[in-house]
Amino acid sequence: FSLDGYTIGWFRQAPGKEREGVVCISSSGGTTLYADSVRGRFTVF
C-alpha cells in the first residue's frame, strides 16, 4: 500500500538506551524535523 497521507518518523534505539526520535517528515513532505545529533548529516525524503 501507499504511504500517502501519513506522517513518517524515524527513531532509533541503541543498547541500554531509550528510543529516540531522529527525524520526521510530514505527509505532504513540506515539513521535516531533525534531532540535533543528526542535523546536517541525515536527510529524509
PDB file of all heavy atoms in Angstrom:
ATOM      1  N   PHE A   1       0.834  -1.196   0.000  1.00  0.00           N
ATOM      2  CA  PHE A   1       0.000   0.000   0.000  1.00  0.00           C
ATOM      3  C   PHE A   1       0.874   1.255   0.000  1.00  0.00           C
ATOM      4  O   PHE A   1       2.069   1.206   0.238  1.00  0.00           O
ATOM      5  CB  PHE A   1      -0.926   0.005   1.215  1.00  0.00           C
ATOM      6  CG  PHE A   1      -1.930  -1.105   1.229  1.00  0.00           C
ATOM      7  CD1 PHE A   1      -1.627  -2.294   1.884  1.00  0.00           C
ATOM      8  CD2 PHE A   1      -3.154  -0.973   0.603  1.00  0.00           C
ATOM      9  CE1 PHE A   1      -2.532  -3.335   1.907  1.00  0.00           C
ATOM     10  CE2 PHE A   1      -4.069  -2.012   0.629  1.00  0.00           C
ATOM     11  CZ  PHE A   1      -3.761  -3.203   1.273  1.00  0.00           C
ATOM     12  N   SER A   2       0.220   2.373  -0.219  1.00  0.00           N
ATOM     13  CA  SER A   2       0.903   3.654  -0.264  1.00  0.00           C
ATOM     14  C   SER A   2       1.087   4.224   1.137  1.00  0.00           C
ATOM     15  O   SER A   2       0.379   3.862   2.081  1.00  0.00           O
ATOM     16  CB  SER A   2       0.086   4.642  -1.106  1.00  0.00           C
ATOM     17  OG  SER A   2       0.581   5.951  -0.981  1.00  0.00           O
ATOM     18  N   LEU A   3       2.050   5.126   1.253  1.00  0.00           N
ATOM     19  CA  LEU A   3       2.228   5.892   2.484  1.00  0.00           C
ATOM     20  C   LEU A   3       1.674   7.303   2.345  1.00  0.00           C
ATOM     21  O   LEU A   3       1.917   8.156   3.207  1.00  0.00           O
ATOM     22  CB  LEU A   3       3.708   5.950   2.855  1.00  0.00           C
ATOM     23  CG  LEU A   3       4.312   4.654   3.406  1.00  0.00           C
ATOM     24  CD1 LEU A   3       5.814   4.805   3.589  1.00  0.00           C
ATOM     25  CD2 LEU A   3       3.647   4.253   4.707  1.00  0.00           C
ATOM     26  N   ASP A   4       0.948   7.561   1.281  1.00  0.00           N
ATOM     27  CA  ASP A   4       0.331   8.875   1.112  1.00  0.00           C
ATOM     28  C   ASP A   4      -0.596   9.169   2.281  1.00  0.00           C
ATOM     29  O   ASP A   4      -1.366   8.315   2.714  1.00  0.00           O
ATOM     30  CB  ASP A   4      -0.472   8.923  -0.189  1.00  0.00           C
ATOM     31  CG  ASP A   4       0.416   8.908  -1.417  1.00  0.00           C
ATOM     32  OD1 ASP A   4       1.654   9.034  -1.249  1.00  0.00           O
ATOM     33  OD2 ASP A   4      -0.111   8.775  -2.530  1.00  0.00           O
ATOM     34  N   GLY A   5      -0.525  10.406   2.783  1.00  0.00           N
ATOM     35  CA  GLY A   5      -1.399  10.808   3.863  1.00  0.00           C
ATOM     36  C   GLY A   5      -0.888  10.463   5.249  1.00  0.00           C
ATOM     37  O   GLY A   5      -1.604  10.642   6.233  1.00  0.00           O
ATOM     38  N   TYR A   6       0.336   9.986   5.322  1.00  0.00           N
ATOM     39  CA  TYR A   6       0.908   9.598   6.608  1.00  0.00           C
ATOM     40  C   TYR A   6       2.167  10.397   6.926  1.00  0.00           C
ATOM     41  O   TYR A   6       3.051  10.529   6.074  1.00  0.00           O
ATOM     42  CB  TYR A   6       1.259   8.113   6.636  1.00  0.00           C
ATOM     43  CG  TYR A   6       0.046   7.226   6.681  1.00  0.00           C
ATOM     44  CD1 TYR A   6      -0.575   6.801   5.507  1.00  0.00           C
ATOM     45  CD2 TYR A   6      -0.500   6.832   7.901  1.00  0.00           C
ATOM     46  CE1 TYR A   6      -1.699   6.004   5.545  1.00  0.00           C
ATOM     47  CE2 TYR A   6      -1.629   6.026   7.946  1.00  0.00           C
ATOM     48  CZ  TYR A   6      -2.226   5.619   6.760  1.00  0.00           C
ATOM     49  OH  TYR A   6      -3.342   4.828   6.805  1.00  0.00           O
ATOM     50  N   THR A   7       2.226  10.912   8.139  1.00  0.00           N
ATOM     51  CA  THR A   7       3.478  11.426   8.663  1.00  0.00           C
ATOM     52  C   THR A   7       4.371  10.239   8.985  1.00  0.00           C
ATOM     53  O   THR A   7       3.915   9.249   9.558  1.00  0.00           O
ATOM     54  CB  THR A   7       3.246  12.247   9.940  1.00  0.00           C
ATOM     55  OG1 THR A   7       2.458  13.393   9.634  1.00  0.00           O
ATOM     56  CG2 THR A   7       4.557  12.682  10.565  1.00  0.00           C
ATOM     57  N   ILE A   8       5.641  10.340   8.620  1.00  0.00           N
ATOM     58  CA  ILE A   8       6.593   9.265   8.868  1.00  0.00           C
ATOM     59  C   ILE A   8       7.686   9.763   9.799  1.00  0.00           C
ATOM     60  O   ILE A   8       8.236  10.851   9.607  1.00  0.00           O
ATOM     61  CB  ILE A   8       7.232   8.769   7.558  1.00  0.00           C
ATOM     62  CG1 ILE A   8       6.149   8.280   6.594  1.00  0.00           C
ATOM     63  CG2 ILE A   8       8.245   7.655   7.857  1.00  0.00           C
ATOM     64  CD1 ILE A   8       5.326   7.112   7.092  1.00  0.00           C
ATOM     65  N   GLY A   9       7.979   8.957  10.797  1.00  0.00           N
ATOM     66  CA  GLY A   9       9.077   9.268  11.702  1.00  0.00           C
ATOM     67  C   GLY A   9      10.108   8.161  11.678  1.00  0.00           C
ATOM     68  O   GLY A   9       9.789   7.000  11.447  1.00  0.00           O
ATOM     69  N   TRP A  10      11.352   8.545  11.907  1.00  0.00           N
ATOM     70  CA  TRP A  10      12.429   7.580  12.102  1.00  0.00           C
ATOM     71  C   TRP A  10      12.919   7.730  13.533  1.00  0.00           C
ATOM     72  O   TRP A  10      13.204   8.840  13.983  1.00  0.00           O
ATOM     73  CB  TRP A  10      13.581   7.826  11.137  1.00  0.00           C
ATOM     74  CG  TRP A  10      13.327   7.357   9.743  1.00  0.00           C
ATOM     75  CD1 TRP A  10      12.902   8.097   8.686  1.00  0.00           C
ATOM     76  CD2 TRP A  10      13.509   6.036   9.239  1.00  0.00           C
ATOM     77  NE1 TRP A  10      12.792   7.328   7.565  1.00  0.00           N
ATOM     78  CE2 TRP A  10      13.174   6.048   7.872  1.00  0.00           C
ATOM     79  CE3 TRP A  10      13.942   4.832   9.798  1.00  0.00           C
ATOM     80  CZ2 TRP A  10      13.237   4.912   7.063  1.00  0.00           C
ATOM     81  CZ3 TRP A  10      14.005   3.701   8.989  1.00  0.00           C
ATOM     82  CH2 TRP A  10      13.655   3.750   7.639  1.00  0.00           C
ATOM     83  N   PHE A  11      13.031   6.617  14.200  1.00  0.00           N
ATOM     84  CA  PHE A  11      13.515   6.566  15.569  1.00  0.00           C
ATOM     85  C   PHE A  11      14.653   5.561  15.635  1.00  0.00           C
ATOM     86  O   PHE A  11      14.800   4.714  14.748  1.00  0.00           O
ATOM     87  CB  PHE A  11      12.394   6.138  16.522  1.00  0.00           C
ATOM     88  CG  PHE A  11      11.292   7.163  16.656  1.00  0.00           C
ATOM     89  CD1 PHE A  11      10.364   7.346  15.652  1.00  0.00           C
ATOM     90  CD2 PHE A  11      11.197   7.939  17.806  1.00  0.00           C
ATOM     91  CE1 PHE A  11       9.353   8.292  15.762  1.00  0.00           C
ATOM     92  CE2 PHE A  11      10.188   8.888  17.934  1.00  0.00           C
ATOM     93  CZ  PHE A  11       9.267   9.061  16.916  1.00  0.00           C
ATOM     94  N   ARG A  12      15.436   5.644  16.681  1.00  0.00           N
ATOM     95  CA  ARG A  12      16.495   4.657  16.857  1.00  0.00           C
ATOM     96  C   ARG A  12      16.643   4.320  18.326  1.00  0.00           C
ATOM     97  O   ARG A  12      16.315   5.122  19.201  1.00  0.00           O
ATOM     98  CB  ARG A  12      17.824   5.160  16.284  1.00  0.00           C
ATOM     99  CG  ARG A  12      18.424   6.356  17.014  1.00  0.00           C
ATOM    100  CD  ARG A  12      19.657   6.862  16.273  1.00  0.00           C
ATOM    101  NE  ARG A  12      20.282   8.001  16.951  1.00  0.00           N
ATOM    102  CZ  ARG A  12      21.295   8.687  16.475  1.00  0.00           C
ATOM    103  NH1 ARG A  12      21.825   8.367  15.274  1.00  0.00           N
ATOM    104  NH2 ARG A  12      21.803   9.697  17.149  1.00  0.00           N
ATOM    105  N   GLN A  13      17.166   3.110  18.553  1.00  0.00           N
ATOM    106  CA  GLN A  13      17.388   2.671  19.923  1.00  0.00           C
ATOM    107  C   GLN A  13      18.695   1.914  19.987  1.00  0.00           C
ATOM    108  O   GLN A  13      18.861   0.876  19.335  1.00  0.00           O
ATOM    109  CB  GLN A  13      16.237   1.798  20.416  1.00  0.00           C
ATOM    110  CG  GLN A  13      16.330   1.456  21.892  1.00  0.00           C
ATOM    111  CD  GLN A  13      15.024   0.891  22.439  1.00  0.00           C
ATOM    112  OE1 GLN A  13      14.172   0.415  21.689  1.00  0.00           O
ATOM    113  NE2 GLN A  13      14.848   0.969  23.746  1.00  0.00           N
ATOM    114  N   ALA A  14      19.601   2.453  20.760  1.00  0.00           N
ATOM    115  CA  ALA A  14      20.888   1.810  20.990  1.00  0.00           C
ATOM    116  C   ALA A  14      20.801   0.931  22.230  1.00  0.00           C
ATOM    117  O   ALA A  14      19.938   1.161  23.094  1.00  0.00           O
ATOM    118  CB  ALA A  14      21.976   2.867  21.170  1.00  0.00           C
ATOM    119  N   PRO A  15      21.662  -0.072  22.337  1.00  0.00           N
ATOM    120  CA  PRO A  15      21.616  -0.954  23.502  1.00  0.00           C
ATOM    121  C   PRO A  15      21.715  -0.180  24.808  1.00  0.00           C
ATOM    122  O   PRO A  15      22.585   0.678  24.973  1.00  0.00           O
ATOM    123  CB  PRO A  15      22.845  -1.858  23.303  1.00  0.00           C
ATOM    124  CG  PRO A  15      23.063  -1.862  21.836  1.00  0.00           C
ATOM    125  CD  PRO A  15      22.688  -0.488  21.373  1.00  0.00           C
ATOM    126  N   GLY A  16      20.792  -0.468  25.718  1.00  0.00           N
ATOM    127  CA  GLY A  16      20.808   0.169  27.025  1.00  0.00           C
ATOM    128  C   GLY A  16      20.296   1.588  27.051  1.00  0.00           C
ATOM    129  O   GLY A  16      20.353   2.248  28.097  1.00  0.00           O
ATOM    130  N   LYS A  17      19.786   2.064  25.898  1.00  0.00           N
ATOM    131  CA  LYS A  17      19.295   3.435  25.850  1.00  0.00           C
ATOM    132  C   LYS A  17      17.825   3.461  25.447  1.00  0.00           C
ATOM    133  O   LYS A  17      17.303   2.503  24.877  1.00  0.00           O
ATOM    134  CB  LYS A  17      20.119   4.264  24.859  1.00  0.00           C
ATOM    135  CG  LYS A  17      21.571   4.458  25.265  1.00  0.00           C
ATOM    136  CD  LYS A  17      22.273   5.419  24.334  1.00  0.00           C
ATOM    137  CE  LYS A  17      23.695   5.683  24.791  1.00  0.00           C
ATOM    138  NZ  LYS A  17      24.389   6.666  23.896  1.00  0.00           N
ATOM    139  N   GLU A  18      17.180   4.582  25.729  1.00  0.00           N
ATOM    140  CA  GLU A  18      15.797   4.741  25.339  1.00  0.00           C
ATOM    141  C   GLU A  18      15.701   5.028  23.838  1.00  0.00           C
ATOM    142  O   GLU A  18      16.643   5.534  23.228  1.00  0.00           O
ATOM    143  CB  GLU A  18      15.155   5.884  26.124  1.00  0.00           C
ATOM    144  CG  GLU A  18      15.009   5.605  27.605  1.00  0.00           C
ATOM    145  CD  GLU A  18      14.231   6.697  28.321  1.00  0.00           C
ATOM    146  OE1 GLU A  18      13.916   7.712  27.676  1.00  0.00           O
ATOM    147  OE2 GLU A  18      13.959   6.533  29.507  1.00  0.00           O
ATOM    148  N   ARG A  19      14.537   4.713  23.281  1.00  0.00           N
ATOM    149  CA  ARG A  19      14.308   5.019  21.870  1.00  0.00           C
ATOM    150  C   ARG A  19      14.244   6.532  21.709  1.00  0.00           C
ATOM    151  O   ARG A  19      13.575   7.219  22.482  1.00  0.00           O
ATOM    152  CB  ARG A  19      13.016   4.365  21.397  1.00  0.00           C
ATOM    153  CG  ARG A  19      12.816   4.386  19.905  1.00  0.00           C
ATOM    154  CD  ARG A  19      11.620   3.553  19.499  1.00  0.00           C
ATOM    155  NE  ARG A  19      11.819   2.135  19.799  1.00  0.00           N
ATOM    156  CZ  ARG A  19      10.997   1.171  19.403  1.00  0.00           C
ATOM    157  NH1 ARG A  19       9.921   1.470  18.652  1.00  0.00           N
ATOM    158  NH2 ARG A  19      11.233  -0.072  19.727  1.00  0.00           N
ATOM    159  N   GLU A  20      14.940   7.052  20.692  1.00  0.00           N
ATOM    160  CA  GLU A  20      14.956   8.487  20.473  1.00  0.00           C
ATOM    161  C   GLU A  20      14.506   8.819  19.056  1.00  0.00           C
ATOM    162  O   GLU A  20      14.760   8.060  18.115  1.00  0.00           O
ATOM    163  CB  GLU A  20      16.355   9.067  20.719  1.00  0.00           C
ATOM    164  CG  GLU A  20      17.423   8.559  19.761  1.00  0.00           C
ATOM    165  CD  GLU A  20      18.726   9.336  19.868  1.00  0.00           C
ATOM    166  OE1 GLU A  20      18.721  10.473  20.395  1.00  0.00           O
ATOM    167  OE2 GLU A  20      19.747   8.801  19.392  1.00  0.00           O
ATOM    168  N   GLY A  21      13.871   9.961  18.927  1.00  0.00           N
ATOM    169  CA  GLY A  21      13.452  10.426  17.615  1.00  0.00           C
ATOM    170  C   GLY A  21      14.624  10.966  16.827  1.00  0.00           C
ATOM    171  O   GLY A  21      15.445  11.703  17.365  1.00  0.00           O
ATOM    172  N   VAL A  22      14.692  10.597  15.576  1.00  0.00           N
ATOM    173  CA  VAL A  22      15.787  11.021  14.703  1.00  0.00           C
ATOM    174  C   VAL A  22      15.309  12.088  13.727  1.00  0.00           C
ATOM    175  O   VAL A  22      15.929  13.157  13.611  1.00  0.00           O
ATOM    176  CB  VAL A  22      16.354   9.814  13.928  1.00  0.00           C
ATOM    177  CG1 VAL A  22      17.423  10.260  12.939  1.00  0.00           C
ATOM    178  CG2 VAL A  22      16.908   8.766  14.905  1.00  0.00           C
ATOM    179  N   VAL A  23      14.221  11.797  13.045  1.00  0.00           N
ATOM    180  CA  VAL A  23      13.718  12.723  12.038  1.00  0.00           C
ATOM    181  C   VAL A  23      12.267  12.382  11.750  1.00  0.00           C
ATOM    182  O   VAL A  23      11.838  11.248  11.925  1.00  0.00           O
ATOM    183  CB  VAL A  23      14.564  12.638  10.746  1.00  0.00           C
ATOM    184  CG1 VAL A  23      14.456  11.261  10.123  1.00  0.00           C
ATOM    185  CG2 VAL A  23      14.164  13.702   9.740  1.00  0.00           C
ATOM    186  N   CYS A  24      11.501  13.375  11.327  1.00  0.00           N
ATOM    187  CA  CYS A  24      10.148  13.103  10.831  1.00  0.00           C
ATOM    188  C   CYS A  24       9.919  13.923   9.576  1.00  0.00           C
ATOM    189  O   CYS A  24      10.597  14.927   9.329  1.00  0.00           O
ATOM    190  CB  CYS A  24       9.083  13.372  11.875  1.00  0.00           C
ATOM    191  SG  CYS A  24       8.920  15.092  12.339  1.00  0.00           S
ATOM    192  N   ILE A  25       8.955  13.460   8.788  1.00  0.00           N
ATOM    193  CA  ILE A  25       8.562  14.173   7.584  1.00  0.00           C
ATOM    194  C   ILE A  25       7.045  14.138   7.494  1.00  0.00           C
ATOM    195  O   ILE A  25       6.421  13.097   7.712  1.00  0.00           O
ATOM    196  CB  ILE A  25       9.231  13.569   6.325  1.00  0.00           C
ATOM    197  CG1 ILE A  25       8.883  14.379   5.071  1.00  0.00           C
ATOM    198  CG2 ILE A  25       8.890  12.089   6.163  1.00  0.00           C
ATOM    199  CD1 ILE A  25       9.746  14.025   3.868  1.00  0.00           C
ATOM    200  N   SER A  26       6.466  15.288   7.213  1.00  0.00           N
ATOM    201  CA  SER A  26       5.016  15.376   7.161  1.00  0.00           C
ATOM    202  C   SER A  26       4.467  14.633   5.943  1.00  0.00           C
ATOM    203  O   SER A  26       5.207  14.286   5.028  1.00  0.00           O
ATOM    204  CB  SER A  26       4.592  16.840   7.131  1.00  0.00           C
ATOM    205  OG  SER A  26       5.048  17.465   5.939  1.00  0.00           O
ATOM    206  N   SER A  27       3.179  14.436   5.935  1.00  0.00           N
ATOM    207  CA  SER A  27       2.571  13.672   4.843  1.00  0.00           C
ATOM    208  C   SER A  27       2.729  14.379   3.502  1.00  0.00           C
ATOM    209  O   SER A  27       2.804  13.735   2.456  1.00  0.00           O
ATOM    210  CB  SER A  27       1.105  13.396   5.140  1.00  0.00           C
ATOM    211  OG  SER A  27       0.390  14.606   5.306  1.00  0.00           O
ATOM    212  N   SER A  28       2.785  15.705   3.520  1.00  0.00           N
ATOM    213  CA  SER A  28       2.990  16.452   2.272  1.00  0.00           C
ATOM    214  C   SER A  28       4.456  16.469   1.857  1.00  0.00           C
ATOM    215  O   SER A  28       4.784  16.794   0.717  1.00  0.00           O
ATOM    216  CB  SER A  28       2.506  17.888   2.433  1.00  0.00           C
ATOM    217  OG  SER A  28       3.391  18.616   3.256  1.00  0.00           O
ATOM    218  N   GLY A  29       5.329  16.178   2.804  1.00  0.00           N
ATOM    219  CA  GLY A  29       6.763  16.295   2.560  1.00  0.00           C
ATOM    220  C   GLY A  29       7.282  17.700   2.782  1.00  0.00           C
ATOM    221  O   GLY A  29       8.484  17.937   2.704  1.00  0.00           O
ATOM    222  N   GLY A  30       6.382  18.619   3.106  1.00  0.00           N
ATOM    223  CA  GLY A  30       6.780  20.005   3.224  1.00  0.00           C
ATOM    224  C   GLY A  30       7.394  20.382   4.554  1.00  0.00           C
ATOM    225  O   GLY A  30       8.014  21.441   4.684  1.00  0.00           O
ATOM    226  N   THR A  31       7.215  19.542   5.548  1.00  0.00           N
ATOM    227  CA  THR A  31       7.766  19.812   6.870  1.00  0.00           C
ATOM    228  C   THR A  31       8.647  18.654   7.301  1.00  0.00           C
ATOM    229  O   THR A  31       8.230  17.493   7.219  1.00  0.00           O
ATOM    230  CB  THR A  31       6.651  20.001   7.907  1.00  0.00           C
ATOM    231  OG1 THR A  31       5.824  21.088   7.507  1.00  0.00           O
ATOM    232  CG2 THR A  31       7.234  20.273   9.288  1.00  0.00           C
ATOM    233  N   THR A  32       9.844  18.980   7.740  1.00  0.00           N
ATOM    234  CA  THR A  32      10.739  17.975   8.299  1.00  0.00           C
ATOM    235  C   THR A  32      11.284  18.490   9.621  1.00  0.00           C
ATOM    236  O   THR A  32      11.362  19.703   9.855  1.00  0.00           O
ATOM    237  CB  THR A  32      11.922  17.651   7.366  1.00  0.00           C
ATOM    238  OG1 THR A  32      12.629  18.865   7.059  1.00  0.00           O
ATOM    239  CG2 THR A  32      11.443  17.008   6.079  1.00  0.00           C
ATOM    240  N   LEU A  33      11.658  17.582  10.468  1.00  0.00           N
ATOM    241  CA  LEU A  33      12.202  17.930  11.778  1.00  0.00           C
ATOM    242  C   LEU A  33      13.322  16.946  12.075  1.00  0.00           C
ATOM    243  O   LEU A  33      13.127  15.733  11.960  1.00  0.00           O
ATOM    244  CB  LEU A  33      11.110  17.839  12.840  1.00  0.00           C
ATOM    245  CG  LEU A  33      11.455  18.262  14.257  1.00  0.00           C
ATOM    246  CD1 LEU A  33      11.833  19.737  14.281  1.00  0.00           C
ATOM    247  CD2 LEU A  33      10.271  18.001  15.183  1.00  0.00           C
ATOM    248  N   TYR A  34      14.498  17.476  12.462  1.00  0.00           N
ATOM    249  CA  TYR A  34      15.661  16.635  12.719  1.00  0.00           C
ATOM    250  C   TYR A  34      16.130  16.798  14.160  1.00  0.00           C
ATOM    251  O   TYR A  34      16.121  17.898  14.713  1.00  0.00           O
ATOM    252  CB  TYR A  34      16.826  17.018  11.793  1.00  0.00           C
ATOM    253  CG  TYR A  34      16.594  16.723  10.341  1.00  0.00           C
ATOM    254  CD1 TYR A  34      15.951  17.630   9.507  1.00  0.00           C
ATOM    255  CD2 TYR A  34      17.034  15.519   9.787  1.00  0.00           C
ATOM    256  CE1 TYR A  34      15.737  17.347   8.176  1.00  0.00           C
ATOM    257  CE2 TYR A  34      16.832  15.229   8.444  1.00  0.00           C
ATOM    258  CZ  TYR A  34      16.180  16.151   7.643  1.00  0.00           C
ATOM    259  OH  TYR A  34      15.979  15.863   6.316  1.00  0.00           O
ATOM    260  N   ALA A  35      16.577  15.698  14.724  1.00  0.00           N
ATOM    261  CA  ALA A  35      17.252  15.776  16.012  1.00  0.00           C
ATOM    262  C   ALA A  35      18.581  16.499  15.834  1.00  0.00           C
ATOM    263  O   ALA A  35      19.222  16.399  14.779  1.00  0.00           O
ATOM    264  CB  ALA A  35      17.495  14.371  16.566  1.00  0.00           C
ATOM    265  N   ASP A  36      19.003  17.215  16.867  1.00  0.00           N
ATOM    266  CA  ASP A  36      20.255  17.970  16.788  1.00  0.00           C
ATOM    267  C   ASP A  36      21.439  17.063  16.458  1.00  0.00           C
ATOM    268  O   ASP A  36      22.372  17.478  15.760  1.00  0.00           O
ATOM    269  CB  ASP A  36      20.521  18.691  18.108  1.00  0.00           C
ATOM    270  CG  ASP A  36      19.567  19.838  18.348  1.00  0.00           C
ATOM    271  OD1 ASP A  36      18.907  20.285  17.390  1.00  0.00           O
ATOM    272  OD2 ASP A  36      19.484  20.299  19.513  1.00  0.00           O
ATOM    273  N   SER A  37      21.390  15.849  16.936  1.00  0.00           N
ATOM    274  CA  SER A  37      22.513  14.929  16.766  1.00  0.00           C
ATOM    275  C   SER A  37      22.729  14.491  15.322  1.00  0.00           C
ATOM    276  O   SER A  37      23.808  13.992  14.989  1.00  0.00           O
ATOM    277  CB  SER A  37      22.329  13.706  17.659  1.00  0.00           C
ATOM    278  OG  SER A  37      21.112  13.047  17.335  1.00  0.00           O
ATOM    279  N   VAL A  38      21.711  14.660  14.478  1.00  0.00           N
ATOM    280  CA  VAL A  38      21.838  14.185  13.097  1.00  0.00           C
ATOM    281  C   VAL A  38      21.679  15.299  12.068  1.00  0.00           C
ATOM    282  O   VAL A  38      21.902  15.073  10.868  1.00  0.00           O
ATOM    283  CB  VAL A  38      20.821  13.064  12.792  1.00  0.00           C
ATOM    284  CG1 VAL A  38      20.966  11.926  13.797  1.00  0.00           C
ATOM    285  CG2 VAL A  38      19.400  13.592  12.766  1.00  0.00           C
ATOM    286  N   ARG A  39      21.286  16.475  12.509  1.00  0.00           N
ATOM    287  CA  ARG A  39      21.048  17.565  11.559  1.00  0.00           C
ATOM    288  C   ARG A  39      22.322  17.885  10.787  1.00  0.00           C
ATOM    289  O   ARG A  39      23.404  17.989  11.341  1.00  0.00           O
ATOM    290  CB  ARG A  39      20.559  18.809  12.296  1.00  0.00           C
ATOM    291  CG  ARG A  39      20.116  19.940  11.359  1.00  0.00           C
ATOM    292  CD  ARG A  39      19.566  21.131  12.130  1.00  0.00           C
ATOM    293  NE  ARG A  39      18.338  20.780  12.847  1.00  0.00           N
ATOM    294  CZ  ARG A  39      18.253  20.725  14.174  1.00  0.00           C
ATOM    295  NH1 ARG A  39      19.312  20.998  14.906  1.00  0.00           N
ATOM    296  NH2 ARG A  39      17.109  20.411  14.750  1.00  0.00           N
ATOM    297  N   GLY A  40      22.178  17.987   9.481  1.00  0.00           N
ATOM    298  CA  GLY A  40      23.322  18.250   8.621  1.00  0.00           C
ATOM    299  C   GLY A  40      23.979  16.987   8.089  1.00  0.00           C
ATOM    300  O   GLY A  40      24.770  17.054   7.144  1.00  0.00           O
ATOM    301  N   ARG A  41      23.663  15.852   8.675  1.00  0.00           N
ATOM    302  CA  ARG A  41      24.237  14.582   8.228  1.00  0.00           C
ATOM    303  C   ARG A  41      23.169  13.655   7.638  1.00  0.00           C
ATOM    304  O   ARG A  41      23.453  12.889   6.727  1.00  0.00           O
ATOM    305  CB  ARG A  41      24.922  13.862   9.388  1.00  0.00           C
ATOM    306  CG  ARG A  41      26.059  14.648  10.018  1.00  0.00           C
ATOM    307  CD  ARG A  41      26.823  13.805  11.034  1.00  0.00           C
ATOM    308  NE  ARG A  41      25.985  13.404  12.158  1.00  0.00           N
ATOM    309  CZ  ARG A  41      25.759  12.140  12.506  1.00  0.00           C
ATOM    310  NH1 ARG A  41      26.296  11.147  11.795  1.00  0.00           N
ATOM    311  NH2 ARG A  41      24.996  11.843  13.555  1.00  0.00           N
ATOM    312  N   PHE A  42      21.973  13.715   8.184  1.00  0.00           N
ATOM    313  CA  PHE A  42      20.883  12.855   7.732  1.00  0.00           C
ATOM    314  C   PHE A  42      19.880  13.680   6.930  1.00  0.00           C
ATOM    315  O   PHE A  42      19.639  14.857   7.240  1.00  0.00           O
ATOM    316  CB  PHE A  42      20.155  12.226   8.918  1.00  0.00           C
ATOM    317  CG  PHE A  42      20.936  11.186   9.677  1.00  0.00           C
ATOM    318  CD1 PHE A  42      22.292  10.991   9.490  1.00  0.00           C
ATOM    319  CD2 PHE A  42      20.280  10.384  10.612  1.00  0.00           C
ATOM    320  CE1 PHE A  42      22.992  10.032  10.195  1.00  0.00           C
ATOM    321  CE2 PHE A  42      20.970   9.417  11.324  1.00  0.00           C
ATOM    322  CZ  PHE A  42      22.329   9.243  11.122  1.00  0.00           C
ATOM    323  N   THR A  43      19.275  13.029   5.946  1.00  0.00           N
ATOM    324  CA  THR A  43      18.240  13.674   5.145  1.00  0.00           C
ATOM    325  C   THR A  43      17.091  12.699   4.937  1.00  0.00           C
ATOM    326  O   THR A  43      17.316  11.547   4.558  1.00  0.00           O
ATOM    327  CB  THR A  43      18.784  14.103   3.775  1.00  0.00           C
ATOM    328  OG1 THR A  43      19.899  14.977   3.949  1.00  0.00           O
ATOM    329  CG2 THR A  43      17.700  14.840   2.980  1.00  0.00           C
ATOM    330  N   VAL A  44      15.887  13.179   5.177  1.00  0.00           N
ATOM    331  CA  VAL A  44      14.705  12.355   4.962  1.00  0.00           C
ATOM    332  C   VAL A  44      13.961  12.884   3.744  1.00  0.00           C
ATOM    333  O   VAL A  44      13.886  14.092   3.522  1.00  0.00           O
ATOM    334  CB  VAL A  44      13.787  12.353   6.203  1.00  0.00           C
ATOM    335  CG1 VAL A  44      13.212  13.741   6.480  1.00  0.00           C
ATOM    336  CG2 VAL A  44      12.665  11.330   6.045  1.00  0.00           C
ATOM    337  N   PHE A  45      13.444  11.981   2.923  1.00  0.00           N
ATOM    338  CA  PHE A  45      12.654  12.411   1.779  1.00  0.00           C
ATOM    339  C   PHE A  45      11.705  11.302   1.378  1.00  0.00           C
ATOM    340  O   PHE A  45      11.912  10.133   1.690  1.00  0.00           O
ATOM    341  CB  PHE A  45      13.548  12.827   0.609  1.00  0.00           C
ATOM    342  CG  PHE A  45      14.487  11.770   0.100  1.00  0.00           C
ATOM    343  CD1 PHE A  45      14.158  11.014  -1.014  1.00  0.00           C
ATOM    344  CD2 PHE A  45      15.708  11.538   0.715  1.00  0.00           C
ATOM    345  CE1 PHE A  45      15.021  10.048  -1.494  1.00  0.00           C
ATOM    346  CE2 PHE A  45      16.575  10.570   0.244  1.00  0.00           C
ATOM    347  CZ  PHE A  45      16.239   9.829  -0.862  1.00  0.00           C
TER     348      PHE A  45
END
